Amino acid sequence: MAFQKTSSDAKYQSLITRRFYNRFNTKGEFYNELNLFKFDNKELVRPSFDTYFMRLAELAASRSNCMKKGNGAIIVKDNRIVSTGYNGTPFKTKNCNEGGCKRCNMNVGQGKDLDKCMCLHAEESAVMEAGRSKCMGATIYTTSFPCILCTKMIV
C-alpha cells in the first residue's frame, strides 16, 4: 500500500516538534510564534501512523547505494515495523556506486538489459529480510510504485 505526500506535509514538516524554545525578547512575540502552529491539527502535533511509516520509508531510501534511483520500503504489522529495505546490491556485495552493478555503471537506459542488473528492489529486500511468514497480513509502505515482480512478491 503506497501513500503520497501532500503539499501540506512539506509545509508543516519542519513544525513537527515536541519542544518550543523562546528565542524572542517579549512574551507577545513568543505567543505570536506559537499561534502559527496549529495545535488543533493532531497530524502536526503527532503524525499519524501512515505519515510516520512513509517518512521512515523515505529515510530508508536515503540508504540506497543504487546509482539510478533511491527507493525505500517499510513492512508494518499491527503498527510495528517488521522489516525495512532499500534498493541496491545484495548484502556483502560491492555497492552499486562502487562498481558493484555493471549495468548501472555502464549507464544503460531505463528498462534495458535488466538481466545484467545486480541490484535488489526496496520491496524485495524488505520481504527477504523479514521472511514471507512475518509479512502475511502486513502493510508495505514504499516510496515508489512497485514493479510487477515486486507486486507478485507482495501479494
Protein backbone atom coordinates (compact mmCIF):
# COMPACT_ATOMS: atom_id res chain seq x y z
CA MET A 1 0.00 0.00 0.00
CA ALA A 2 1.61 3.28 -1.08
CA PHE A 3 0.81 6.77 0.15
CA GLN A 4 1.81 10.06 -1.39
CA LYS A 5 2.99 13.11 0.44
CA THR A 6 0.66 16.05 0.31
CA SER A 7 1.83 19.61 -0.08
CA SER A 8 0.65 20.33 3.46
CA ASP A 9 3.06 17.67 4.78
CA ALA A 10 6.04 19.54 3.34
CA LYS A 11 4.66 22.89 4.50
CA TYR A 12 4.32 21.84 8.14
CA GLN A 13 7.00 19.14 8.35
CA SER A 14 9.51 21.49 9.96
CA LEU A 15 6.93 22.48 12.58
CA ILE A 16 6.54 18.98 13.99
CA THR A 17 8.42 19.02 17.23
CA ARG A 18 7.84 18.44 20.90
CA ARG A 19 9.79 21.45 22.15
CA PHE A 20 9.40 25.16 21.65
CA TYR A 21 12.20 27.48 22.55
CA ASN A 22 11.59 31.10 23.41
CA ARG A 23 14.11 32.94 21.26
CA PHE A 24 12.16 36.18 21.41
CA ASN A 25 12.57 39.29 23.52
CA THR A 26 8.96 39.56 24.64
CA LYS A 27 6.25 37.18 25.70
CA GLY A 28 4.00 38.62 22.97
CA GLU A 29 6.48 37.73 20.22
CA PHE A 30 6.72 34.19 21.56
CA TYR A 31 2.93 33.81 21.68
CA ASN A 32 2.67 35.11 18.11
CA GLU A 33 5.10 32.38 17.04
CA LEU A 34 3.09 29.73 18.91
CA ASN A 35 -0.11 30.93 17.22
CA LEU A 36 1.41 30.00 13.85
CA PHE A 37 1.39 26.38 14.94
CA LYS A 38 -1.97 24.67 14.55
CA PHE A 39 -2.20 22.75 17.83
CA ASP A 40 -5.72 21.57 16.97
CA ASN A 41 -4.34 19.68 13.95
CA LYS A 42 -3.34 16.35 15.52
CA GLU A 43 -1.30 15.40 12.45
CA LEU A 44 1.06 18.30 13.10
CA VAL A 45 1.46 17.64 16.79
CA ARG A 46 1.90 13.90 16.36
CA PRO A 47 1.93 12.37 12.87
CA SER A 48 -0.46 9.54 12.01
CA PHE A 49 1.00 6.07 11.64
CA ASP A 50 0.67 6.36 7.83
CA THR A 51 2.68 9.59 7.79
CA TYR A 52 5.20 8.18 10.26
CA PHE A 53 5.79 4.99 8.26
CA MET A 54 6.01 6.87 4.94
CA ARG A 55 8.66 9.14 6.45
CA LEU A 56 10.57 6.07 7.60
CA ALA A 57 10.33 4.62 4.07
CA GLU A 58 11.79 7.88 2.74
CA LEU A 59 14.56 7.64 5.34
CA ALA A 60 15.27 4.03 4.29
CA ALA A 61 15.56 5.25 0.68
CA SER A 62 18.39 7.52 1.77
CA ARG A 63 20.46 4.37 2.45
CA SER A 64 20.21 3.25 -1.18
CA ASN A 65 23.50 2.76 -2.97
CA CYS A 66 21.91 2.47 -6.42
CA MET A 67 23.15 4.95 -8.99
CA LYS A 68 19.79 5.11 -10.81
CA LYS A 69 17.16 5.75 -8.15
CA GLY A 70 16.79 5.52 -4.37
CA ASN A 71 13.71 3.70 -3.07
CA GLY A 72 12.73 2.59 0.41
CA ALA A 73 10.15 0.23 1.86
CA ILE A 74 8.84 -0.48 5.36
CA ILE A 75 6.76 -3.54 6.22
CA VAL A 76 4.43 -2.99 9.17
CA LYS A 77 2.12 -5.28 11.08
CA ASP A 78 -0.11 -4.08 13.92
CA ASN A 79 1.66 -0.67 13.77
CA ARG A 80 5.00 -2.35 14.46
CA ILE A 81 7.88 -2.40 11.98
CA VAL A 82 8.59 -5.90 10.74
CA SER A 83 11.27 -5.02 8.20
CA THR A 84 12.86 -2.25 6.18
CA GLY A 85 14.51 -2.31 2.80
CA TYR A 86 16.14 -0.09 0.22
CA ASN A 87 17.35 -0.74 -3.29
CA GLY A 88 20.92 -1.61 -4.08
CA THR A 89 23.29 -4.51 -4.33
CA PRO A 90 22.79 -7.63 -2.18
CA PHE A 91 24.25 -7.96 1.32
CA LYS A 92 28.05 -8.34 1.45
CA THR A 93 28.40 -7.34 -2.20
CA LYS A 94 30.30 -4.33 -3.51
CA ASN A 95 27.96 -1.32 -3.56
CA CYS A 96 26.46 -0.20 -6.84
CA ASN A 97 28.07 3.21 -6.56
CA GLU A 98 31.44 1.49 -6.00
CA GLY A 99 31.23 -0.57 -9.21
CA GLY A 100 29.16 -3.48 -7.86
CA CYS A 101 26.47 -3.39 -10.57
CA LYS A 102 27.84 -3.47 -14.11
CA ARG A 103 24.52 -2.38 -15.63
CA CYS A 104 24.34 0.80 -13.59
CA ASN A 105 28.00 1.55 -14.16
CA MET A 106 27.58 1.14 -17.93
CA ASN A 107 24.84 3.81 -17.81
CA VAL A 108 22.33 1.54 -19.59
CA GLY A 109 18.98 3.15 -20.39
CA GLN A 110 15.89 2.54 -18.28
CA GLY A 111 14.21 -0.82 -18.90
CA LYS A 112 17.12 -2.26 -20.93
CA ASP A 113 19.44 -5.16 -20.07
CA LEU A 114 17.65 -5.77 -16.77
CA ASP A 115 19.18 -9.26 -16.63
CA LYS A 116 22.56 -7.58 -16.09
CA CYS A 117 21.37 -5.65 -13.02
CA MET A 118 22.56 -6.99 -9.68
CA CYS A 119 20.50 -4.62 -7.55
CA LEU A 120 17.60 -5.63 -5.34
CA HIS A 121 14.46 -3.53 -5.15
CA ALA A 122 13.48 -1.99 -1.81
CA GLU A 123 10.30 -4.07 -1.55
CA GLU A 124 12.18 -7.25 -2.45
CA SER A 125 14.84 -6.51 0.15
CA ALA A 126 12.27 -5.84 2.89
CA VAL A 127 10.32 -9.06 2.17
CA MET A 128 13.53 -11.12 2.04
CA GLU A 129 14.75 -9.64 5.31
CA ALA A 130 11.51 -10.36 7.18
CA GLY A 131 10.58 -13.66 5.58
CA ARG A 132 7.26 -14.37 3.94
CA SER A 133 5.53 -15.65 7.09
CA LYS A 134 6.11 -12.40 9.02
CA CYS A 135 4.78 -10.39 6.07
CA MET A 136 1.42 -12.13 5.81
CA GLY A 137 -1.32 -9.64 6.72
CA ALA A 138 1.17 -6.77 6.95
CA THR A 139 1.18 -3.43 5.14
CA ILE A 140 4.06 -2.22 3.00
CA TYR A 141 4.91 1.47 2.70
CA THR A 142 7.04 2.21 -0.33
CA THR A 143 8.43 5.38 -1.88
CA SER A 144 7.54 4.36 -5.44
CA PHE A 145 5.06 2.14 -7.24
CA PRO A 146 6.34 -1.46 -7.10
CA CYS A 147 7.37 -3.19 -10.33
CA ILE A 148 5.45 -6.27 -11.48
CA LEU A 149 7.94 -8.69 -9.87
CA CYS A 150 7.79 -6.91 -6.51
CA THR A 151 3.99 -6.74 -6.77
CA LYS A 152 3.89 -10.53 -7.17
CA MET A 153 6.15 -10.90 -4.14
CA ILE A 154 3.99 -8.53 -2.06
CA VAL A 155 0.65 -10.08 -2.99
